[in-house]
Amino acid sequence: MHAFIANLGPEQTASPFTVTVTLPDGVTAERPFFPETCTEIANGRRVRCTFLDAVARFDSATALIPVRLATTVPINGTLTGGRVEVRSPEDKNRANDERPFEIHVVQDT
């Protein structure tokens, strides 16, 4: 899974920021993560990543979180309840810091 984070402005960040990925039921995180600062919490259902570098205005960053599906997850289903959240001490607009996501399960051919 890719957690894509964008700095929509109006300014460049000067502080580290944290990205937290909460996975839907039926999915757990599986190492290796990127960046290496990512750590598992909540029994692999959540991964927290700290980005130490600033992000320029209109630039982006990505956290890579490999996941494993439970054997009970049906093929051709959709897992809901995932969430990506970004926190930065400089952020003045908390309204756009969190987004839900879904995982569409398909069979590999």
PDB file of N, CA and C in Angstrom:
ATOM      1  N   MET A   1       0.837  -1.155   0.000  1.00  0.00           N
ATOM      2  CA  MET A   1       0.000   0.000   0.000  1.00  0.00           C
ATOM      3  C   MET A   1       0.887   1.225   0.000  1.00  0.00           C
ATOM      4  N   HIS A   2       0.488   2.255  -0.718  1.00  0.00           N
ATOM      5  CA  HIS A   2       1.214   3.520  -0.811  1.00  0.00           C
ATOM      6  C   HIS A   2       0.389   4.596  -0.121  1.00  0.00           C
ATOM      7  N   ALA A   3       0.949   5.232   0.888  1.00  0.00           N
ATOM      8  CA  ALA A   3       0.311   6.388   1.513  1.00  0.00           C
ATOM      9  C   ALA A   3       0.969   7.622   0.915  1.00  0.00           C
ATOM     10  N   PHE A   4       0.260   8.280   0.037  1.00  0.00           N
ATOM     11  CA  PHE A   4       0.783   9.438  -0.688  1.00  0.00           C
ATOM     12  C   PHE A   4       0.367  10.698   0.056  1.00  0.00           C
ATOM     13  N   ILE A   5       1.343  11.539   0.403  1.00  0.00           N
ATOM     14  CA  ILE A   5       1.104  12.747   1.175  1.00  0.00           C
ATOM     15  C   ILE A   5       1.586  13.931   0.355  1.00  0.00           C
ATOM     16  N   ALA A   6       0.757  14.978   0.255  1.00  0.00           N
ATOM     17  CA  ALA A   6       1.136  16.160  -0.517  1.00  0.00           C
ATOM     18  C   ALA A   6       1.027  17.410   0.337  1.00  0.00           C
ATOM     19  N   ASN A   7       1.972  18.303   0.175  1.00  0.00           N
ATOM     20  CA  ASN A   7       1.932  19.603   0.827  1.00  0.00           C
ATOM     21  C   ASN A   7       1.236  20.564  -0.131  1.00  0.00           C
ATOM     22  N   LEU A   8      -0.016  20.889   0.152  1.00  0.00           N
ATOM     23  CA  LEU A   8      -0.799  21.758  -0.724  1.00  0.00           C
ATOM     24  C   LEU A   8      -0.544  23.232  -0.466  1.00  0.00           C
ATOM     25  N   GLY A   9       0.382  23.529   0.431  1.00  0.00           N
ATOM     26  CA  GLY A   9       0.763  24.910   0.690  1.00  0.00           C
ATOM     27  C   GLY A   9      -0.067  25.515   1.811  1.00  0.00           C
ATOM     28  N   PRO A  10       0.096  26.743   2.093  1.00  0.00           N
ATOM     29  CA  PRO A  10       0.775  27.729   1.262  1.00  0.00           C
ATOM     30  C   PRO A  10       2.283  27.805   1.490  1.00  0.00           C
ATOM     31  N   GLU A  11       2.847  27.018   2.430  1.00  0.00           N
ATOM     32  CA  GLU A  11       4.257  27.165   2.771  1.00  0.00           C
ATOM     33  C   GLU A  11       4.967  25.815   2.789  1.00  0.00           C
ATOM     34  N   GLN A  12       6.297  25.871   2.724  1.00  0.00           N
ATOM     35  CA  GLN A  12       7.117  24.680   2.913  1.00  0.00           C
ATOM     36  C   GLN A  12       7.151  24.339   4.394  1.00  0.00           C
ATOM     37  N   THR A  13       7.183  23.063   4.717  1.00  0.00           N
ATOM     38  CA  THR A  13       7.326  22.658   6.109  1.00  0.00           C
ATOM     39  C   THR A  13       8.786  22.752   6.519  1.00  0.00           C
ATOM     40  N   ALA A  14       9.003  23.044   7.779  1.00  0.00           N
ATOM     41  CA  ALA A  14      10.372  23.084   8.307  1.00  0.00           C
ATOM     42  C   ALA A  14      10.559  22.024   9.376  1.00  0.00           C
ATOM     43  N   SER A  15       9.488  21.373   9.771  1.00  0.00           N
ATOM     44  CA  SER A  15       9.518  20.394  10.856  1.00  0.00           C
ATOM     45  C   SER A  15       9.263  18.995  10.324  1.00  0.00           C
ATOM     46  N   PRO A  16       9.709  17.985  11.075  1.00  0.00           N
ATOM     47  CA  PRO A  16       9.320  16.613  10.731  1.00  0.00           C
ATOM     48  C   PRO A  16       7.796  16.477  10.825  1.00  0.00           C
ATOM     49  N   PHE A  17       7.263  15.510  10.121  1.00  0.00           N
ATOM     50  CA  PHE A  17       5.829  15.237  10.215  1.00  0.00           C
ATOM     51  C   PHE A  17       5.622  13.735  10.350  1.00  0.00           C
ATOM     52  N   THR A  18       4.467  13.365  10.860  1.00  0.00           N
ATOM     53  CA  THR A  18       4.157  11.969  11.125  1.00  0.00           C
ATOM     54  C   THR A  18       2.952  11.538  10.293  1.00  0.00           C
ATOM     55  N   VAL A  19       3.074  10.372   9.686  1.00  0.00           N
ATOM     56  CA  VAL A  19       1.989   9.766   8.924  1.00  0.00           C
ATOM     57  C   VAL A  19       1.583   8.492   9.653  1.00  0.00           C
ATOM     58  N   THR A  20       0.296   8.371   9.926  1.00  0.00           N
ATOM     59  CA  THR A  20      -0.221   7.156  10.555  1.00  0.00           C
ATOM     60  C   THR A  20      -1.206   6.497   9.604  1.00  0.00           C
ATOM     61  N   VAL A  21      -0.950   5.223   9.290  1.00  0.00           N
ATOM     62  CA  VAL A  21      -1.819   4.445   8.406  1.00  0.00           C
ATOM     63  C   VAL A  21      -2.546   3.415   9.265  1.00  0.00           C
ATOM     64  N   THR A  22      -3.871   3.504   9.264  1.00  0.00           N
ATOM     65  CA  THR A  22      -4.697   2.521   9.952  1.00  0.00           C
ATOM     66  C   THR A  22      -5.300   1.612   8.892  1.00  0.00           C
ATOM     67  N   LEU A  23      -5.047   0.314   9.011  1.00  0.00           N
ATOM     68  CA  LEU A  23      -5.489  -0.649   7.996  1.00  0.00           C
ATOM     69  C   LEU A  23      -6.896  -1.161   8.299  1.00  0.00           C
ATOM     70  N   PRO A  24      -7.636  -1.538   7.268  1.00  0.00           N
ATOM     71  CA  PRO A  24      -8.966  -2.116   7.475  1.00  0.00           C
ATOM     72  C   PRO A  24      -8.884  -3.477   8.169  1.00  0.00           C
ATOM     73  N   ASP A  25      -9.983  -3.917   8.727  1.00  0.00           N
ATOM     74  CA  ASP A  25     -10.063  -5.269   9.288  1.00  0.00           C
ATOM     75  C   ASP A  25      -9.704  -6.282   8.204  1.00  0.00           C
ATOM     76  N   GLY A  26      -8.974  -7.319   8.585  1.00  0.00           N
ATOM     77  CA  GLY A  26      -8.576  -8.360   7.639  1.00  0.00           C
ATOM     78  C   GLY A  26      -7.224  -8.129   6.999  1.00  0.00           C
ATOM     79  N   VAL A  27      -6.551  -7.039   7.390  1.00  0.00           N
ATOM     80  CA  VAL A  27      -5.259  -6.689   6.798  1.00  0.00           C
ATOM     81  C   VAL A  27      -4.279  -6.366   7.918  1.00  0.00           C
ATOM     82  N   THR A  28      -3.049  -6.851   7.787  1.00  0.00           N
ATOM     83  CA  THR A  28      -1.992  -6.480   8.724  1.00  0.00           C
ATOM     84  C   THR A  28      -0.768  -6.015   7.937  1.00  0.00           C
ATOM     85  N   ALA A  29      -0.006  -5.139   8.555  1.00  0.00           N
ATOM     86  CA  ALA A  29       1.210  -4.628   7.936  1.00  0.00           C
ATOM     87  C   ALA A  29       2.305  -5.680   8.012  1.00  0.00           C
ATOM     88  N   GLU A  30       3.184  -5.674   7.010  1.00  0.00           N
ATOM     89  CA  GLU A  30       4.281  -6.643   6.969  1.00  0.00           C
ATOM     90  C   GLU A  30       5.548  -5.945   6.475  1.00  0.00           C
ATOM     91  N   ARG A  31       6.604  -6.012   7.266  1.00  0.00           N
ATOM     92  CA  ARG A  31       7.879  -5.371   6.901  1.00  0.00           C
ATOM     93  C   ARG A  31       8.440  -5.954   5.621  1.00  0.00           C
ATOM     94  N   PRO A  32       9.293  -5.193   4.917  1.00  0.00           N
ATOM     95  CA  PRO A  32       9.950  -3.939   5.272  1.00  0.00           C
ATOM     96  C   PRO A  32       9.087  -2.734   4.895  1.00  0.00           C
ATOM     97  N   PHE A  33       9.207  -1.661   5.666  1.00  0.00           N
ATOM     98  CA  PHE A  33       8.483  -0.417   5.430  1.00  0.00           C
ATOM     99  C   PHE A  33       9.437   0.622   4.857  1.00  0.00           C
ATOM    100  N   PHE A  34       8.860   1.627   4.213  1.00  0.00           N
ATOM    101  CA  PHE A  34       9.624   2.794   3.798  1.00  0.00           C
ATOM    102  C   PHE A  34       8.810   4.020   4.144  1.00  0.00           C
ATOM    103  N   PRO A  35       9.424   4.968   4.813  1.00  0.00           N
ATOM    104  CA  PRO A  35      10.815   5.035   5.222  1.00  0.00           C
ATOM    105  C   PRO A  35      11.098   4.092   6.391  1.00  0.00           C
ATOM    106  N   GLU A  36      12.373   3.931   6.701  1.00  0.00           N
ATOM    107  CA  GLU A  36      12.785   3.029   7.777  1.00  0.00           C
ATOM    108  C   GLU A  36      12.338   3.499   9.147  1.00  0.00           C
ATOM    109  N   THR A  37      11.867   4.732   9.259  1.00  0.00           N
ATOM    110  CA  THR A  37      11.382   5.252  10.539  1.00  0.00           C
ATOM    111  C   THR A  37       9.991   4.732  10.887  1.00  0.00           C
ATOM    112  N   CYS A  38       9.377   3.968  10.009  1.00  0.00           N
ATOM    113  CA  CYS A  38       8.032   3.440  10.263  1.00  0.00           C
ATOM    114  C   CYS A  38       8.072   2.344  11.328  1.00  0.00           C
ATOM    115  N   THR A  39       7.091   2.358  12.209  1.00  0.00           N
ATOM    116  CA  THR A  39       6.964   1.331  13.245  1.00  0.00           C
ATOM    117  C   THR A  39       5.530   0.835  13.303  1.00  0.00           C
ATOM    118  N   GLU A  40       5.398  -0.457  13.593  1.00  0.00           N
ATOM    119  CA  GLU A  40       4.079  -1.068  13.763  1.00  0.00           C
ATOM    120  C   GLU A  40       3.534  -0.766  15.145  1.00  0.00           C
ATOM    121  N   ILE A  41       2.260  -0.508  15.205  1.00  0.00           N
ATOM    122  CA  ILE A  41       1.546  -0.405  16.476  1.00  0.00           C
ATOM    123  C   ILE A  41       0.196  -1.096  16.300  1.00  0.00           C
ATOM    124  N   ALA A  42      -0.496  -1.309  17.385  1.00  0.00           N
ATOM    125  CA  ALA A  42      -1.828  -1.929  17.346  1.00  0.00           C
ATOM    126  C   ALA A  42      -1.810  -3.281  16.637  1.00  0.00           C
ATOM    127  N   ASN A  43      -0.842  -4.139  16.998  1.00  0.00           N
ATOM    128  CA  ASN A  43      -0.757  -5.494  16.448  1.00  0.00           C
ATOM    129  C   ASN A  43      -0.710  -5.543  14.927  1.00  0.00           C
ATOM    130  N   GLY A  44       0.013  -4.606  14.327  1.00  0.00           N
ATOM    131  CA  GLY A  44       0.162  -4.600  12.882  1.00  0.00           C
ATOM    132  C   GLY A  44      -0.987  -3.970  12.131  1.00  0.00           C
ATOM    133  N   ARG A  45      -1.984  -3.480  12.817  1.00  0.00           N
ATOM    134  CA  ARG A  45      -3.133  -2.831  12.166  1.00  0.00           C
ATOM    135  C   ARG A  45      -2.876  -1.351  11.906  1.00  0.00           C
ATOM    136  N   ARG A  46      -1.812  -0.837  12.496  1.00  0.00           N
ATOM    137  CA  ARG A  46      -1.480   0.577  12.331  1.00  0.00           C
ATOM    138  C   ARG A  46       0.026   0.703  12.178  1.00  0.00           C
ATOM    139  N   VAL A  47       0.447   1.616  11.305  1.00  0.00           N
ATOM    140  CA  VAL A  47       1.866   1.894  11.096  1.00  0.00           C
ATOM    141  C   VAL A  47       2.050   3.402  11.190  1.00  0.00           C
ATOM    142  N   ARG A  48       3.035   3.811  11.973  1.00  0.00           N
ATOM    143  CA  ARG A  48       3.347   5.230  12.146  1.00  0.00           C
ATOM    144  C   ARG A  48       4.730   5.495  11.561  1.00  0.00           C
ATOM    145  N   CYS A  49       4.812   6.483  10.663  1.00  0.00           N
ATOM    146  CA  CYS A  49       6.061   6.828   9.983  1.00  0.00           C
ATOM    147  C   CYS A  49       6.391   8.293  10.250  1.00  0.00           C
ATOM    148  N   THR A  50       7.640   8.544  10.614  1.00  0.00           N
ATOM    149  CA  THR A  50       8.107   9.911  10.805  1.00  0.00           C
ATOM    150  C   THR A  50       8.990  10.293   9.634  1.00  0.00           C
ATOM    151  N   PHE A  51       8.651  11.396   9.007  1.00  0.00           N
ATOM    152  CA  PHE A  51       9.454  11.950   7.920  1.00  0.00           C
ATOM    153  C   PHE A  51      10.245  13.105   8.502  1.00  0.00           C
ATOM    154  N   LEU A  52      11.556  13.003   8.454  1.00  0.00           N
ATOM    155  CA  LEU A  52      12.421  13.988   9.105  1.00  0.00           C
ATOM    156  C   LEU A  52      12.704  15.199   8.234  1.00  0.00           C
ATOM    157  N   ASP A  53      12.548  15.076   6.933  1.00  0.00           N
ATOM    158  CA  ASP A  53      12.859  16.174   6.025  1.00  0.00           C
ATOM    159  C   ASP A  53      11.630  17.034   5.758  1.00  0.00           C
ATOM    160  N   ALA A  54      11.883  18.285   5.482  1.00  0.00           N
ATOM    161  CA  ALA A  54      10.820  19.206   5.109  1.00  0.00           C
ATOM    162  C   ALA A  54      10.238  18.810   3.758  1.00  0.00           C
ATOM    163  N   VAL A  55       9.002  19.212   3.524  1.00  0.00           N
ATOM    164  CA  VAL A  55       8.353  18.976   2.239  1.00  0.00           C
ATOM    165  C   VAL A  55       8.016  20.339   1.641  1.00  0.00           C
ATOM    166  N   ALA A  56       8.584  20.602   0.480  1.00  0.00           N
ATOM    167  CA  ALA A  56       8.344  21.877  -0.191  1.00  0.00           C
ATOM    168  C   ALA A  56       6.871  22.015  -0.575  1.00  0.00           C
ATOM    169  N   ARG A  57       6.449  23.242  -0.720  1.00  0.00           N
ATOM    170  CA  ARG A  57       5.081  23.512  -1.159  1.00  0.00           C
ATOM    171  C   ARG A  57       4.839  22.827  -2.503  1.00  0.00           C
ATOM    172  N   PHE A  58       3.735  22.127  -2.609  1.00  0.00           N
ATOM    173  CA  PHE A  58       3.310  21.374  -3.792  1.00  0.00           C
ATOM    174  C   PHE A  58       4.191  20.153  -4.066  1.00  0.00           C
ATOM    175  N   ASP A  59       5.006  19.749  -3.089  1.00  0.00           N
ATOM    176  CA  ASP A  59       5.801  18.529  -3.215  1.00  0.00           C
ATOM    177  C   ASP A  59       5.072  17.413  -2.477  1.00  0.00           C
ATOM    178  N   SER A  60       5.611  16.214  -2.517  1.00  0.00           N
ATOM    179  CA  SER A  60       4.934  15.079  -1.890  1.00  0.00           C
ATOM    180  C   SER A  60       5.929  14.114  -1.264  1.00  0.00           C
ATOM    181  N   ALA A  61       5.393  13.207  -0.491  1.00  0.00           N
ATOM    182  CA  ALA A  61       6.158  12.122   0.121  1.00  0.00           C
ATOM    183  C   ALA A  61       5.271  10.878   0.092  1.00  0.00           C
ATOM    184  N   THR A  62       5.897   9.717   0.138  1.00  0.00           N
ATOM    185  CA  THR A  62       5.144   8.463   0.107  1.00  0.00           C
ATOM    186  C   THR A  62       5.665   7.511   1.166  1.00  0.00           C
ATOM    187  N   ALA A  63       4.745   6.908   1.907  1.00  0.00           N
ATOM    188  CA  ALA A  63       5.083   5.818   2.820  1.00  0.00           C
ATOM    189  C   ALA A  63       4.660   4.518   2.136  1.00  0.00           C
ATOM    190  N   LEU A  64       5.554   3.527   2.118  1.00  0.00           N
ATOM    191  CA  LEU A  64       5.253   2.229   1.522  1.00  0.00           C
ATOM    192  C   LEU A  64       5.046   1.220   2.637  1.00  0.00           C
ATOM    193  N   ILE A  65       3.848   0.654   2.693  1.00  0.00           N
ATOM    194  CA  ILE A  65       3.475  -0.282   3.756  1.00  0.00           C
ATOM    195  C   ILE A  65       2.966  -1.572   3.107  1.00  0.00           C
ATOM    196  N   PRO A  66       3.814  -2.593   2.982  1.00  0.00           N
ATOM    197  CA  PRO A  66       3.315  -3.879   2.478  1.00  0.00           C
ATOM    198  C   PRO A  66       2.275  -4.449   3.451  1.00  0.00           C
ATOM    199  N   VAL A  67       1.271  -5.117   2.911  1.00  0.00           N
ATOM    200  CA  VAL A  67       0.213  -5.676   3.752  1.00  0.00           C
ATOM    201  C   VAL A  67      -0.007  -7.147   3.425  1.00  0.00           C
ATOM    202  N   ARG A  68      -0.544  -7.843   4.411  1.00  0.00           N
ATOM    203  CA  ARG A  68      -0.928  -9.253   4.231  1.00  0.00           C
ATOM    204  C   ARG A  68      -2.420  -9.361   4.520  1.00  0.00           C
ATOM    205  N   LEU A  69      -3.134 -10.016   3.600  1.00  0.00           N
ATOM    206  CA  LEU A  69      -4.563 -10.241   3.790  1.00  0.00           C
ATOM    207  C   LEU A  69      -4.789 -11.507   4.601  1.00  0.00           C
ATOM    208  N   ALA A  70      -5.766 -11.464   5.480  1.00  0.00           N
ATOM    209  CA  ALA A  70      -6.158 -12.667   6.221  1.00  0.00           C
ATOM    210  C   ALA A  70      -6.745 -13.678   5.233  1.00  0.00           C
ATOM    211  N   THR A  71      -6.612 -14.953   5.544  1.00  0.00           N
ATOM    212  CA  THR A  71      -7.132 -15.999   4.650  1.00  0.00           C
ATOM    213  C   THR A  71      -8.655 -15.947   4.552  1.00  0.00           C
ATOM    214  N   THR A  72      -9.301 -15.254   5.461  1.00  0.00           N
ATOM    215  CA  THR A  72     -10.765 -15.147   5.466  1.00  0.00           C
ATOM    216  C   THR A  72     -11.287 -14.019   4.574  1.00  0.00           C
ATOM    217  N   VAL A  73     -10.391 -13.223   4.005  1.00  0.00           N
ATOM    218  CA  VAL A  73     -10.813 -12.107   3.152  1.00  0.00           C
ATOM    219  C   VAL A  73     -11.242 -12.662   1.797  1.00  0.00           C
ATOM    220  N   PRO A  74     -12.472 -12.363   1.370  1.00  0.00           N
ATOM    221  CA  PRO A  74     -12.954 -12.911   0.098  1.00  0.00           C
ATOM    222  C   PRO A  74     -12.330 -12.216  -1.120  1.00  0.00           C
ATOM    223  N   ILE A  75     -12.109 -13.010  -2.172  1.00  0.00           N
ATOM    224  CA  ILE A  75     -11.641 -12.470  -3.446  1.00  0.00           C
ATOM    225  C   ILE A  75     -12.762 -11.620  -4.043  1.00  0.00           C
ATOM    226  N   ASN A  76     -12.388 -10.559  -4.727  1.00  0.00           N
ATOM    227  CA  ASN A  76     -13.319  -9.622  -5.363  1.00  0.00           C
ATOM    228  C   ASN A  76     -14.138  -8.829  -4.350  1.00  0.00           C
ATOM    229  N   GLY A  77     -13.642  -8.724  -3.141  1.00  0.00           N
ATOM    230  CA  GLY A  77     -14.298  -7.908  -2.126  1.00  0.00           C
ATOM    231  C   GLY A  77     -13.599  -6.566  -1.972  1.00  0.00           C
ATOM    232  N   THR A  78     -14.201  -5.716  -1.175  1.00  0.00           N
ATOM    233  CA  THR A  78     -13.631  -4.409  -0.867  1.00  0.00           C
ATOM    234  C   THR A  78     -13.559  -4.262   0.643  1.00  0.00           C
ATOM    235  N   LEU A  79     -12.363  -3.966   1.137  1.00  0.00           N
ATOM    236  CA  LEU A  79     -12.158  -3.751   2.567  1.00  0.00           C
ATOM    237  C   LEU A  79     -12.200  -2.251   2.837  1.00  0.00           C
ATOM    238  N   THR A  80     -13.089  -1.847   3.717  1.00  0.00           N
ATOM    239  CA  THR A  80     -13.235  -0.435   4.046  1.00  0.00           C
ATOM    240  C   THR A  80     -12.740  -0.192   5.469  1.00  0.00           C
ATOM    241  N   GLY A  81     -12.611   1.055   5.828  1.00  0.00           N
ATOM    242  CA  GLY A  81     -12.201   1.397   7.185  1.00  0.00           C
ATOM    243  C   GLY A  81     -10.746   1.790   7.303  1.00  0.00           C
ATOM    244  N   GLY A  82     -10.012   1.834   6.195  1.00  0.00           N
ATOM    245  CA  GLY A  82      -8.632   2.290   6.233  1.00  0.00           C
ATOM    246  C   GLY A  82      -8.575   3.811   6.353  1.00  0.00           C
ATOM    247  N   ARG A  83      -7.474   4.303   6.912  1.00  0.00           N
ATOM    248  CA  ARG A  83      -7.342   5.749   7.101  1.00  0.00           C
ATOM    249  C   ARG A  83      -5.869   6.147   7.088  1.00  0.00           C
ATOM    250  N   VAL A  84      -5.565   7.264   6.448  1.00  0.00           N
ATOM    251  CA  VAL A  84      -4.235   7.862   6.473  1.00  0.00           C
ATOM    252  C   VAL A  84      -4.364   9.223   7.136  1.00  0.00           C
ATOM    253  N   GLU A  85      -3.490   9.479   8.105  1.00  0.00           N
ATOM    254  CA  GLU A  85      -3.536  10.735   8.849  1.00  0.00           C
ATOM    255  C   GLU A  85      -2.143  11.344   8.906  1.00  0.00           C
ATOM    256  N   VAL A  86      -2.048  12.645   8.705  1.00  0.00           N
ATOM    257  CA  VAL A  86      -0.775  13.369   8.734  1.00  0.00           C
ATOM    258  C   VAL A  86      -0.834  14.400   9.851  1.00  0.00           C
ATOM    259  N   ARG A  87       0.245  14.459  10.638  1.00  0.00           N
ATOM    260  CA  ARG A  87       0.340  15.453  11.717  1.00  0.00           C
ATOM    261  C   ARG A  87       1.678  16.168  11.630  1.00  0.00           C
ATOM    262  N   SER A  88       1.605  17.494  11.750  1.00  0.00           N
ATOM    263  CA  SER A  88       2.796  18.333  11.757  1.00  0.00           C
ATOM    264  C   SER A  88       2.553  19.483  12.717  1.00  0.00           C
ATOM    265  N   PRO A  89       3.556  19.845  13.514  1.00  0.00           N
ATOM    266  CA  PRO A  89       3.360  20.957  14.443  1.00  0.00           C
ATOM    267  C   PRO A  89       3.108  22.289  13.734  1.00  0.00           C
ATOM    268  N   GLU A  90       3.484  22.404  12.472  1.00  0.00           N
ATOM    269  CA  GLU A  90       3.298  23.643  11.720  1.00  0.00           C
ATOM    270  C   GLU A  90       1.949  23.743  11.023  1.00  0.00           C
ATOM    271  N   ASP A  91       1.215  22.652  10.954  1.00  0.00           N
ATOM    272  CA  ASP A  91      -0.016  22.614  10.175  1.00  0.00           C
ATOM    273  C   ASP A  91      -1.103  23.467  10.820  1.00  0.00           C
ATOM    274  N   LYS A  92      -1.568  24.450  10.093  1.00  0.00           N
ATOM    275  CA  LYS A  92      -2.616  25.334  10.607  1.00  0.00           C
ATOM    276  C   LYS A  92      -4.011  24.918  10.134  1.00  0.00           C
ATOM    277  N   ASN A  93      -4.064  23.991   9.175  1.00  0.00           N
ATOM    278  CA  ASN A  93      -5.343  23.549   8.629  1.00  0.00           C
ATOM    279  C   ASN A  93      -5.510  22.054   8.881  1.00  0.00           C
ATOM    280  N   ARG A  94      -6.119  21.689   9.977  1.00  0.00           N
ATOM    281  CA  ARG A  94      -6.319  20.268  10.330  1.00  0.00           C
ATOM    282  C   ARG A  94      -7.456  19.615   9.536  1.00  0.00           C
ATOM    283  N   ALA A  95      -8.202  20.403   8.793  1.00  0.00           N
ATOM    284  CA  ALA A  95      -9.359  19.871   8.076  1.00  0.00           C
ATOM    285  C   ALA A  95      -8.983  18.899   6.955  1.00  0.00           C
ATOM    286  N   ASN A  96      -7.752  18.984   6.450  1.00  0.00           N
ATOM    287  CA  ASN A  96      -7.364  18.118   5.328  1.00  0.00           C
ATOM    288  C   ASN A  96      -6.251  17.138   5.710  1.00  0.00           C
ATOM    289  N   ASP A  97      -6.169  16.779   6.980  1.00  0.00           N
ATOM    290  CA  ASP A  97      -5.079  15.922   7.471  1.00  0.00           C
ATOM    291  C   ASP A  97      -5.408  14.437   7.478  1.00  0.00           C
ATOM    292  N   GLU A  98      -6.602  14.065   7.120  1.00  0.00           N
ATOM    293  CA  GLU A  98      -7.014  12.670   7.251  1.00  0.00           C
ATOM    294  C   GLU A  98      -7.879  12.282   6.056  1.00  0.00           C
ATOM    295  N   ARG A  99      -7.619  11.080   5.524  1.00  0.00           N
ATOM    296  CA  ARG A  99      -8.410  10.582   4.401  1.00  0.00           C
ATOM    297  C   ARG A  99      -8.669   9.090   4.582  1.00  0.00           C
ATOM    298  N   PRO A 100      -9.883   8.648   4.262  1.00  0.00           N
ATOM    299  CA  PRO A 100     -10.177   7.211   4.285  1.00  0.00           C
ATOM    300  C   PRO A 100      -9.645   6.556   3.002  1.00  0.00           C
ATOM    301  N   PHE A 101      -9.466   5.242   3.053  1.00  0.00           N
ATOM    302  CA  PHE A 101      -9.138   4.496   1.837  1.00  0.00           C
ATOM    303  C   PHE A 101      -9.743   3.111   1.924  1.00  0.00           C
ATOM    304  N   GLU A 102      -9.861   2.478   0.756  1.00  0.00           N
ATOM    305  CA  GLU A 102     -10.355   1.115   0.640  1.00  0.00           C
ATOM    306  C   GLU A 102      -9.292   0.252  -0.010  1.00  0.00           C
ATOM    307  N   ILE A 103      -9.370  -1.047   0.237  1.00  0.00           N
ATOM    308  CA  ILE A 103      -8.509  -2.008  -0.451  1.00  0.00           C
ATOM    309  C   ILE A 103      -9.417  -2.927  -1.250  1.00  0.00           C
ATOM    310  N   HIS A 104      -9.207  -2.951  -2.576  1.00  0.00           N
ATOM    311  CA  HIS A 104      -9.979  -3.824  -3.452  1.00  0.00           C
ATOM    312  C   HIS A 104      -9.192  -5.112  -3.627  1.00  0.00           C
ATOM    313  N   VAL A 105      -9.823  -6.232  -3.299  1.00  0.00           N
ATOM    314  CA  VAL A 105      -9.155  -7.533  -3.327  1.00  0.00           C
ATOM    315  C   VAL A 105      -9.487  -8.221  -4.657  1.00  0.00           C
ATOM    316  N   VAL A 106      -8.436  -8.552  -5.399  1.00  0.00           N
ATOM    317  CA  VAL A 106      -8.605  -9.231  -6.670  1.00  0.00           C
ATOM    318  C   VAL A 106      -7.703 -10.459  -6.689  1.00  0.00           C
ATOM    319  N   GLN A 107      -8.044 -11.399  -7.528  1.00  0.00           N
ATOM    320  CA  GLN A 107      -7.238 -12.606  -7.651  1.00  0.00           C
ATOM    321  C   GLN A 107      -6.122 -12.377  -8.644  1.00  0.00           C
ATOM    322  N   ASP A 108      -4.902 -12.770  -8.269  1.00  0.00           N
ATOM    323  CA  ASP A 108      -3.754 -12.664  -9.153  1.00  0.00           C
ATOM    324  C   ASP A 108      -3.833 -13.782 -10.171  1.00  0.00           C
ATOM    325  N   THR A 109      -3.630 -13.419 -11.439  1.00  0.00           N
ATOM    326  CA  THR A 109      -3.722 -14.461 -12.486  1.00  0.00           C
ATOM    327  C   THR A 109      -2.378 -14.904 -12.961  1.00  0.00           C
TER     328      THR A 109
END
